[in-house]
Every structure is written in C-alpha cells, then in structure tokens.
Amino acid sequence: MAMGQKKNVMNANRVFAKVDKVLEFEKALATHAQKYHTGDWKWRVFEIQSGPDAGGYHITEGPLSWDLVDSRGNLGEEHNNDWNKNVAIYLTDKGSSSYAVFQDTLSSVALTDYTKMINITHFYPKVGWGYKIREIFAKFKKVWAAGGESIAVYTASSSGPAQFTLVTRYKQGLKEREDGFRKPFKERYEAMYGADSWDDVEEVYKNYIDNVWSELLGLRADLSSK
C-alpha cells in the first residue's frame, strides 16, 4: 500500500499551436493552467526548442501516485469547457500524451529539483534487453554524480514502445554544454571504472539499443501554474 502511494509518476502532454494563433493559444493556456491546475496537478510548461517536435509545448503534470491518477475522475464541466472552447480551438491535430515513472536508483538528482533548461534524450531498448540499459545507467549515475551533472531518469509506462528518458537539468545554464566545461564523459567513465571499460558501453549501444534521439527544451514559467 505504501509503495502504491509513492509520488514518482509524471504525465506529459505535447500540443502544437496553429502557426497563426500562437499568441492567442499561449494566453489561453496560461489562464487555464493557473486556474485549474494547482497542487498535485500543477503544470510546468516547456517550449520545445529543437528536434522533431520543435515549436511544440511539453506540459508536465505531477509528480503523482498511481492512486491519485486512478481517483482523479472527471475534471468537471467548467474545466472541460474552458479547455475545449478556449484553448483547444488554437491547436493542430498533432499531439501526444504519456506517463513516465521516475527511477531514483538511476538518477543523480531528486525528482523535484528542477531547472529552467533541459535536454531530453530518448533511449529505446531492443525487446528483452531493457535490463542491459538499466545496468549501464546505474554505472553512469556514479559518473554523473561525481561530475556534478543533474540527470533525472524515467521509464515509460503504458505509453508506446519501451523507453528510458534521460533528462539533463542544466543547473548552471547552457554553458554546461560547452566543450571543456567538464572532461569528456568517456574519460571520466574510464577513470572511475578502469581503462577500456568504455568498450562495454559501446557494446550495449551497438547491440541492445534500437534508437536514440534528443531535444532541447526551455521552461515557460509564464505559461505554467503559479
């Protein structure tokens, strides 16, 4: 019962505004978020700045427990009317919704230790080989922690193909992406686990991962819940 109440579930919705209605959409979204999404259902809205979904909006809700999700019920006529009549009218047909579970044992940062700029890297393991990805990320965690990198790891839940999501939270801003800000990850990994240990990482990447892609996102506090 206690495990079922753990708040480690995030719900993410991606929406895309019509190109000529962006300003109207953002105004309506901010009003909706700040009126109807508070407490456990608080929204953090990100603008997707690169990758295949660039120009879209990534709306996160949570952290939640599955019990909270199960007991939420209908959000009410007033909420639904506001979304459908005042917000959704500015959206395209493109969009998605997903659930992800925070992996504390693989992450080098607390679930709610947020930042304004993030990079999301999506890892899709080949069928039956997810445990291999988990093993290598457990080793990564120690390197991230030693280097002061804030990486939150999630696994997809009932949301399409099996997926590990690595969210890099840039506590010092995008300068963390500059060459030379930290030593190369491979160098730091081998310093911790021994010479040629990176060969094991490459083996996992080549044989057990089906696809990897990443994107850069920035928080839109003005559109998020207050």
C-alpha atoms as a PDB file:
ATOM      1  CA  MET A   1       0.000   0.000   0.000  1.00  0.00           C
ATOM      2  CA  ALA A   2       2.820   2.391   0.875  1.00  0.00           C
ATOM      3  CA  MET A   3       4.554   1.679  -2.413  1.00  0.00           C
ATOM      4  CA  GLY A   4       1.350   2.440  -4.284  1.00  0.00           C
ATOM      5  CA  GLN A   5       1.220   5.916  -2.729  1.00  0.00           C
ATOM      6  CA  LYS A   6       4.711   6.912  -3.847  1.00  0.00           C
ATOM      7  CA  LYS A   7       4.621  10.074  -5.942  1.00  0.00           C
ATOM      8  CA  ASN A   8       7.018   9.222  -8.755  1.00  0.00           C
ATOM      9  CA  VAL A   9       4.717   9.329 -11.806  1.00  0.00           C
ATOM     10  CA  MET A  10       4.771  12.149 -14.340  1.00  0.00           C
ATOM     11  CA  ASN A  11       2.172  12.791 -17.017  1.00  0.00           C
ATOM     12  CA  ALA A  12       3.344  14.680 -20.110  1.00  0.00           C
ATOM     13  CA  ASN A  13       1.204  16.102 -22.877  1.00  0.00           C
ATOM     14  CA  ARG A  14       2.557  17.585 -26.094  1.00  0.00           C
ATOM     15  CA  VAL A  15       0.472  20.080 -28.025  1.00  0.00           C
ATOM     16  CA  PHE A  16       1.111  22.228 -31.084  1.00  0.00           C
ATOM     17  CA  ALA A  17      -0.444  25.612 -31.725  1.00  0.00           C
ATOM     18  CA  LYS A  18      -1.637  26.736 -35.138  1.00  0.00           C
ATOM     19  CA  VAL A  19       1.086  28.920 -36.637  1.00  0.00           C
ATOM     20  CA  ASP A  20      -1.145  31.983 -36.812  1.00  0.00           C
ATOM     21  CA  LYS A  21      -2.661  31.511 -33.344  1.00  0.00           C
ATOM     22  CA  VAL A  22       0.395  31.169 -31.099  1.00  0.00           C
ATOM     23  CA  LEU A  23      -0.231  34.326 -29.074  1.00  0.00           C
ATOM     24  CA  GLU A  24      -3.897  33.517 -28.547  1.00  0.00           C
ATOM     25  CA  PHE A  25      -3.034  29.954 -27.540  1.00  0.00           C
ATOM     26  CA  GLU A  26      -0.361  30.982 -25.034  1.00  0.00           C
ATOM     27  CA  LYS A  27      -2.685  33.468 -23.360  1.00  0.00           C
ATOM     28  CA  ALA A  28      -5.466  30.885 -23.076  1.00  0.00           C
ATOM     29  CA  LEU A  29      -3.076  28.158 -21.877  1.00  0.00           C
ATOM     30  CA  ALA A  30      -1.649  30.345 -19.110  1.00  0.00           C
ATOM     31  CA  THR A  31      -5.126  31.280 -17.906  1.00  0.00           C
ATOM     32  CA  HIS A  32      -6.230  27.646 -17.919  1.00  0.00           C
ATOM     33  CA  ALA A  33      -3.120  26.335 -16.120  1.00  0.00           C
ATOM     34  CA  GLN A  34      -3.247  28.955 -13.394  1.00  0.00           C
ATOM     35  CA  LYS A  35      -6.958  28.489 -12.746  1.00  0.00           C
ATOM     36  CA  TYR A  36      -7.443  24.740 -12.983  1.00  0.00           C
ATOM     37  CA  HIS A  37      -4.066  23.085 -12.379  1.00  0.00           C
ATOM     38  CA  THR A  38      -2.771  23.522  -8.848  1.00  0.00           C
ATOM     39  CA  GLY A  39      -1.467  21.291  -6.060  1.00  0.00           C
ATOM     40  CA  ASP A  40      -0.805  17.737  -7.227  1.00  0.00           C
ATOM     41  CA  TRP A  41      -1.983  18.727 -10.710  1.00  0.00           C
ATOM     42  CA  LYS A  42       0.362  21.657 -11.126  1.00  0.00           C
ATOM     43  CA  TRP A  43       1.616  22.229 -14.696  1.00  0.00           C
ATOM     44  CA  ARG A  44       5.158  23.001 -15.817  1.00  0.00           C
ATOM     45  CA  VAL A  45       5.079  24.095 -19.450  1.00  0.00           C
ATOM     46  CA  PHE A  46       8.163  23.818 -21.646  1.00  0.00           C
ATOM     47  CA  GLU A  47       8.753  25.179 -25.131  1.00  0.00           C
ATOM     48  CA  ILE A  48      10.392  22.547 -27.341  1.00  0.00           C
ATOM     49  CA  GLN A  49      13.323  24.330 -28.968  1.00  0.00           C
ATOM     50  CA  SER A  50      14.892  21.633 -31.154  1.00  0.00           C
ATOM     51  CA  GLY A  51      14.320  18.171 -32.579  1.00  0.00           C
ATOM     52  CA  PRO A  52      11.332  16.763 -34.491  1.00  0.00           C
ATOM     53  CA  ASP A  53       8.794  18.428 -32.166  1.00  0.00           C
ATOM     54  CA  ALA A  54      10.391  21.890 -32.206  1.00  0.00           C
ATOM     55  CA  GLY A  55       7.794  24.613 -31.844  1.00  0.00           C
ATOM     56  CA  GLY A  56       5.556  22.446 -29.685  1.00  0.00           C
ATOM     57  CA  TYR A  57       4.716  22.676 -25.988  1.00  0.00           C
ATOM     58  CA  HIS A  58       5.615  19.976 -23.456  1.00  0.00           C
ATOM     59  CA  ILE A  59       3.228  20.106 -20.481  1.00  0.00           C
ATOM     60  CA  THR A  60       4.197  18.085 -17.415  1.00  0.00           C
ATOM     61  CA  GLU A  61       1.872  17.283 -14.526  1.00  0.00           C
ATOM     62  CA  GLY A  62       2.932  15.770 -11.242  1.00  0.00           C
ATOM     63  CA  PRO A  63       4.645  14.083  -9.539  1.00  0.00           C
ATOM     64  CA  LEU A  64       1.688  11.832  -8.880  1.00  0.00           C
ATOM     65  CA  SER A  65       0.975   8.412  -7.438  1.00  0.00           C
ATOM     66  CA  TRP A  66      -0.953   5.866  -9.463  1.00  0.00           C
ATOM     67  CA  ASP A  67      -3.661   6.038  -6.796  1.00  0.00           C
ATOM     68  CA  LEU A  68      -4.037   9.757  -7.441  1.00  0.00           C
ATOM     69  CA  VAL A  69      -4.301   9.139 -11.171  1.00  0.00           C
ATOM     70  CA  ASP A  70      -6.870   6.402 -10.568  1.00  0.00           C
ATOM     71  CA  SER A  71      -9.036   8.524  -8.276  1.00  0.00           C
ATOM     72  CA  ARG A  72      -8.913  11.764 -10.236  1.00  0.00           C
ATOM     73  CA  GLY A  73     -12.132  11.196 -12.142  1.00  0.00           C
ATOM     74  CA  ASN A  74     -13.741  13.713 -14.458  1.00  0.00           C
ATOM     75  CA  LEU A  75     -12.213  17.163 -14.206  1.00  0.00           C
ATOM     76  CA  GLY A  76     -15.583  18.822 -14.302  1.00  0.00           C
ATOM     77  CA  GLU A  77     -17.717  20.643 -16.847  1.00  0.00           C
ATOM     78  CA  GLU A  78     -16.189  24.045 -16.171  1.00  0.00           C
ATOM     79  CA  HIS A  79     -12.636  22.761 -16.672  1.00  0.00           C
ATOM     80  CA  ASN A  80     -13.521  20.773 -19.774  1.00  0.00           C
ATOM     81  CA  ASN A  81     -15.415  23.641 -21.353  1.00  0.00           C
ATOM     82  CA  ASP A  82     -12.542  26.026 -20.738  1.00  0.00           C
ATOM     83  CA  TRP A  83     -10.039  23.648 -22.349  1.00  0.00           C
ATOM     84  CA  ASN A  84     -12.201  22.738 -25.325  1.00  0.00           C
ATOM     85  CA  LYS A  85     -13.676  26.173 -26.033  1.00  0.00           C
ATOM     86  CA  ASN A  86     -10.829  28.491 -25.050  1.00  0.00           C
ATOM     87  CA  VAL A  87      -7.604  26.532 -25.525  1.00  0.00           C
ATOM     88  CA  ALA A  88      -8.033  23.559 -27.866  1.00  0.00           C
ATOM     89  CA  ILE A  89      -9.515  25.754 -30.593  1.00  0.00           C
ATOM     90  CA  TYR A  90      -5.981  27.091 -31.247  1.00  0.00           C
ATOM     91  CA  LEU A  91      -4.342  23.648 -31.551  1.00  0.00           C
ATOM     92  CA  THR A  92      -3.428  21.485 -34.525  1.00  0.00           C
ATOM     93  CA  ASP A  93      -4.362  17.798 -34.653  1.00  0.00           C
ATOM     94  CA  LYS A  94      -0.798  16.808 -33.709  1.00  0.00           C
ATOM     95  CA  GLY A  95      -0.220  15.823 -30.088  1.00  0.00           C
ATOM     96  CA  SER A  96       0.618  13.077 -27.628  1.00  0.00           C
ATOM     97  CA  SER A  97       0.130  12.025 -24.008  1.00  0.00           C
ATOM     98  CA  SER A  98       2.374   9.775 -21.935  1.00  0.00           C
ATOM     99  CA  TYR A  99       3.181   8.543 -18.443  1.00  0.00           C
ATOM    100  CA  ALA A 100       6.700   8.066 -17.084  1.00  0.00           C
ATOM    101  CA  VAL A 101       7.983   6.735 -13.768  1.00  0.00           C
ATOM    102  CA  PHE A 102      10.983   8.382 -12.087  1.00  0.00           C
ATOM    103  CA  GLN A 103      13.883   5.998 -11.442  1.00  0.00           C
ATOM    104  CA  ASP A 104      15.525   7.110  -8.215  1.00  0.00           C
ATOM    105  CA  THR A 105      18.203   4.387  -8.326  1.00  0.00           C
ATOM    106  CA  LEU A 106      19.403   5.595 -11.744  1.00  0.00           C
ATOM    107  CA  SER A 107      19.111   9.364 -11.264  1.00  0.00           C
ATOM    108  CA  SER A 108      21.734  11.772  -9.937  1.00  0.00           C
ATOM    109  CA  VAL A 109      19.175  14.420  -8.963  1.00  0.00           C
ATOM    110  CA  ALA A 110      15.980  14.481  -6.914  1.00  0.00           C
ATOM    111  CA  LEU A 111      12.704  14.272  -8.827  1.00  0.00           C
ATOM    112  CA  THR A 112      11.568  17.817  -7.980  1.00  0.00           C
ATOM    113  CA  ASP A 113      14.968  19.532  -8.200  1.00  0.00           C
ATOM    114  CA  TYR A 114      14.008  21.360 -11.395  1.00  0.00           C
ATOM    115  CA  THR A 115      15.832  23.746 -13.736  1.00  0.00           C
ATOM    116  CA  LYS A 116      14.782  26.140 -16.492  1.00  0.00           C
ATOM    117  CA  MET A 117      16.706  24.498 -19.346  1.00  0.00           C
ATOM    118  CA  ILE A 118      16.708  20.761 -20.000  1.00  0.00           C
ATOM    119  CA  ASN A 119      17.812  18.263 -22.594  1.00  0.00           C
ATOM    120  CA  ILE A 120      15.719  15.126 -23.056  1.00  0.00           C
ATOM    121  CA  THR A 121      17.399  12.067 -24.564  1.00  0.00           C
ATOM    122  CA  HIS A 122      15.114   9.182 -25.519  1.00  0.00           C
ATOM    123  CA  PHE A 123      16.582   5.661 -25.408  1.00  0.00           C
ATOM    124  CA  TYR A 124      14.597   2.790 -26.936  1.00  0.00           C
ATOM    125  CA  PRO A 125      15.965  -0.632 -25.905  1.00  0.00           C
ATOM    126  CA  LYS A 126      15.554  -3.641 -28.128  1.00  0.00           C
ATOM    127  CA  VAL A 127      12.850  -6.025 -26.925  1.00  0.00           C
ATOM    128  CA  GLY A 128      14.009  -8.047 -23.943  1.00  0.00           C
ATOM    129  CA  TRP A 129      17.169  -6.032 -23.311  1.00  0.00           C
ATOM    130  CA  GLY A 130      15.941  -3.244 -21.055  1.00  0.00           C
ATOM    131  CA  TYR A 131      17.892  -4.647 -18.127  1.00  0.00           C
ATOM    132  CA  LYS A 132      21.136  -4.084 -20.059  1.00  0.00           C
ATOM    133  CA  ILE A 133      20.305  -0.392 -20.384  1.00  0.00           C
ATOM    134  CA  ARG A 134      19.437  -0.223 -16.701  1.00  0.00           C
ATOM    135  CA  GLU A 135      22.772  -1.796 -15.757  1.00  0.00           C
ATOM    136  CA  ILE A 136      24.801   0.703 -17.763  1.00  0.00           C
ATOM    137  CA  PHE A 137      22.776   3.692 -16.497  1.00  0.00           C
ATOM    138  CA  ALA A 138      23.420   2.549 -12.913  1.00  0.00           C
ATOM    139  CA  LYS A 139      27.124   2.959 -13.667  1.00  0.00           C
ATOM    140  CA  PHE A 140      26.508   6.274 -15.404  1.00  0.00           C
ATOM    141  CA  LYS A 141      24.827   7.583 -12.241  1.00  0.00           C
ATOM    142  CA  LYS A 142      28.084   7.458 -10.295  1.00  0.00           C
ATOM    143  CA  VAL A 143      29.919   9.352 -13.027  1.00  0.00           C
ATOM    144  CA  TRP A 144      27.168  11.964 -13.276  1.00  0.00           C
ATOM    145  CA  ALA A 145      27.181  12.478  -9.508  1.00  0.00           C
ATOM    146  CA  ALA A 146      30.971  12.783  -9.364  1.00  0.00           C
ATOM    147  CA  GLY A 147      30.893  15.374 -12.148  1.00  0.00           C
ATOM    148  CA  GLY A 148      28.052  17.421 -10.685  1.00  0.00           C
ATOM    149  CA  GLU A 149      25.644  16.546 -13.516  1.00  0.00           C
ATOM    150  CA  SER A 150      21.937  16.599 -12.713  1.00  0.00           C
ATOM    151  CA  ILE A 151      20.341  13.738 -14.667  1.00  0.00           C
ATOM    152  CA  ALA A 152      16.801  12.508 -13.999  1.00  0.00           C
ATOM    153  CA  VAL A 153      15.968   9.084 -15.449  1.00  0.00           C
ATOM    154  CA  TYR A 154      12.445   7.920 -16.244  1.00  0.00           C
ATOM    155  CA  THR A 155      10.908   4.823 -17.803  1.00  0.00           C
ATOM    156  CA  ALA A 156       7.814   4.981 -19.995  1.00  0.00           C
ATOM    157  CA  SER A 157       4.651   3.378 -18.635  1.00  0.00           C
ATOM    158  CA  SER A 158       1.812   2.280 -20.956  1.00  0.00           C
ATOM    159  CA  SER A 159       2.979   4.926 -23.409  1.00  0.00           C
ATOM    160  CA  GLY A 160       4.143   3.286 -26.605  1.00  0.00           C
ATOM    161  CA  PRO A 161       7.463   1.492 -27.059  1.00  0.00           C
ATOM    162  CA  ALA A 162       9.631   0.716 -24.027  1.00  0.00           C
ATOM    163  CA  GLN A 163      11.736   3.777 -23.318  1.00  0.00           C
ATOM    164  CA  PHE A 164      14.285   5.206 -20.902  1.00  0.00           C
ATOM    165  CA  THR A 165      14.219   9.002 -20.802  1.00  0.00           C
ATOM    166  CA  LEU A 166      17.256  10.901 -19.566  1.00  0.00           C
ATOM    167  CA  VAL A 167      16.537  14.500 -18.615  1.00  0.00           C
ATOM    168  CA  THR A 168      19.676  16.603 -18.225  1.00  0.00           C
ATOM    169  CA  ARG A 169      18.901  19.546 -15.977  1.00  0.00           C
ATOM    170  CA  TYR A 170      21.282  22.423 -16.590  1.00  0.00           C
ATOM    171  CA  LYS A 171      21.648  23.993 -13.161  1.00  0.00           C
ATOM    172  CA  GLN A 172      24.328  26.384 -14.441  1.00  0.00           C
ATOM    173  CA  GLY A 173      22.607  27.060 -17.747  1.00  0.00           C
ATOM    174  CA  LEU A 174      23.553  26.044 -21.263  1.00  0.00           C
ATOM    175  CA  LYS A 175      27.213  26.810 -20.639  1.00  0.00           C
ATOM    176  CA  GLU A 176      27.306  23.251 -19.276  1.00  0.00           C
ATOM    177  CA  ARG A 177      27.128  22.128 -22.903  1.00  0.00           C
ATOM    178  CA  GLU A 178      30.348  23.944 -23.842  1.00  0.00           C
ATOM    179  CA  ASP A 179      33.376  21.868 -24.771  1.00  0.00           C
ATOM    180  CA  GLY A 180      35.746  21.895 -21.821  1.00  0.00           C
ATOM    181  CA  PHE A 181      33.137  22.691 -19.170  1.00  0.00           C
ATOM    182  CA  ARG A 182      33.665  19.119 -17.953  1.00  0.00           C
ATOM    183  CA  LYS A 183      36.080  16.453 -19.050  1.00  0.00           C
ATOM    184  CA  PRO A 184      34.640  14.173 -21.766  1.00  0.00           C
ATOM    185  CA  PHE A 185      32.214  11.634 -20.302  1.00  0.00           C
ATOM    186  CA  LYS A 186      34.181   8.683 -21.691  1.00  0.00           C
ATOM    187  CA  GLU A 187      37.329   9.911 -19.962  1.00  0.00           C
ATOM    188  CA  ARG A 188      35.535  10.292 -16.656  1.00  0.00           C
ATOM    189  CA  TYR A 189      33.852   6.901 -17.038  1.00  0.00           C
ATOM    190  CA  GLU A 190      37.155   5.106 -17.635  1.00  0.00           C
ATOM    191  CA  ALA A 191      38.768   6.980 -14.758  1.00  0.00           C
ATOM    192  CA  MET A 192      36.119   5.507 -12.477  1.00  0.00           C
ATOM    193  CA  TYR A 193      35.759   2.004 -13.935  1.00  0.00           C
ATOM    194  CA  GLY A 194      39.143   1.339 -15.485  1.00  0.00           C
ATOM    195  CA  ALA A 195      40.894   1.521 -18.840  1.00  0.00           C
ATOM    196  CA  ASP A 196      38.874   0.153 -21.751  1.00  0.00           C
ATOM    197  CA  SER A 197      35.704  -0.056 -19.620  1.00  0.00           C
ATOM    198  CA  TRP A 198      34.027   2.156 -22.243  1.00  0.00           C
ATOM    199  CA  ASP A 199      34.105  -0.856 -24.557  1.00  0.00           C
ATOM    200  CA  ASP A 200      31.243  -2.313 -22.505  1.00  0.00           C
ATOM    201  CA  VAL A 201      29.203   0.858 -23.039  1.00  0.00           C
ATOM    202  CA  GLU A 202      29.731   0.731 -26.791  1.00  0.00           C
ATOM    203  CA  GLU A 203      28.713  -2.934 -26.762  1.00  0.00           C
ATOM    204  CA  VAL A 204      25.411  -2.025 -25.120  1.00  0.00           C
ATOM    205  CA  TYR A 205      24.812   0.861 -27.531  1.00  0.00           C
ATOM    206  CA  LYS A 206      25.522  -1.260 -30.608  1.00  0.00           C
ATOM    207  CA  ASN A 207      23.672  -4.420 -29.629  1.00  0.00           C
ATOM    208  CA  TYR A 208      20.876  -3.575 -27.197  1.00  0.00           C
ATOM    209  CA  ILE A 209      19.561  -0.124 -28.153  1.00  0.00           C
ATOM    210  CA  ASP A 210      17.206   0.285 -31.085  1.00  0.00           C
ATOM    211  CA  ASN A 211      17.168   4.085 -31.342  1.00  0.00           C
ATOM    212  CA  VAL A 212      18.295   7.262 -29.544  1.00  0.00           C
ATOM    213  CA  TRP A 213      17.338  10.898 -30.120  1.00  0.00           C
ATOM    214  CA  SER A 214      17.406  14.116 -28.122  1.00  0.00           C
ATOM    215  CA  GLU A 215      15.878  17.583 -27.891  1.00  0.00           C
ATOM    216  CA  LEU A 216      16.354  20.856 -26.034  1.00  0.00           C
ATOM    217  CA  LEU A 217      13.531  22.438 -24.026  1.00  0.00           C
ATOM    218  CA  GLY A 218      13.116  25.653 -22.070  1.00  0.00           C
ATOM    219  CA  LEU A 219      10.688  26.323 -19.236  1.00  0.00           C
ATOM    220  CA  ARG A 220       7.921  28.828 -19.930  1.00  0.00           C
ATOM    221  CA  ALA A 221       7.156  29.944 -16.402  1.00  0.00           C
ATOM    222  CA  ASP A 222       4.703  32.489 -17.787  1.00  0.00           C
ATOM    223  CA  LEU A 223       2.536  29.682 -19.158  1.00  0.00           C
ATOM    224  CA  SER A 224       2.847  27.371 -16.155  1.00  0.00           C
ATOM    225  CA  SER A 225       0.841  27.045 -12.940  1.00  0.00           C
ATOM    226  CA  LYS A 226       1.667  29.541 -10.224  1.00  0.00           C
END
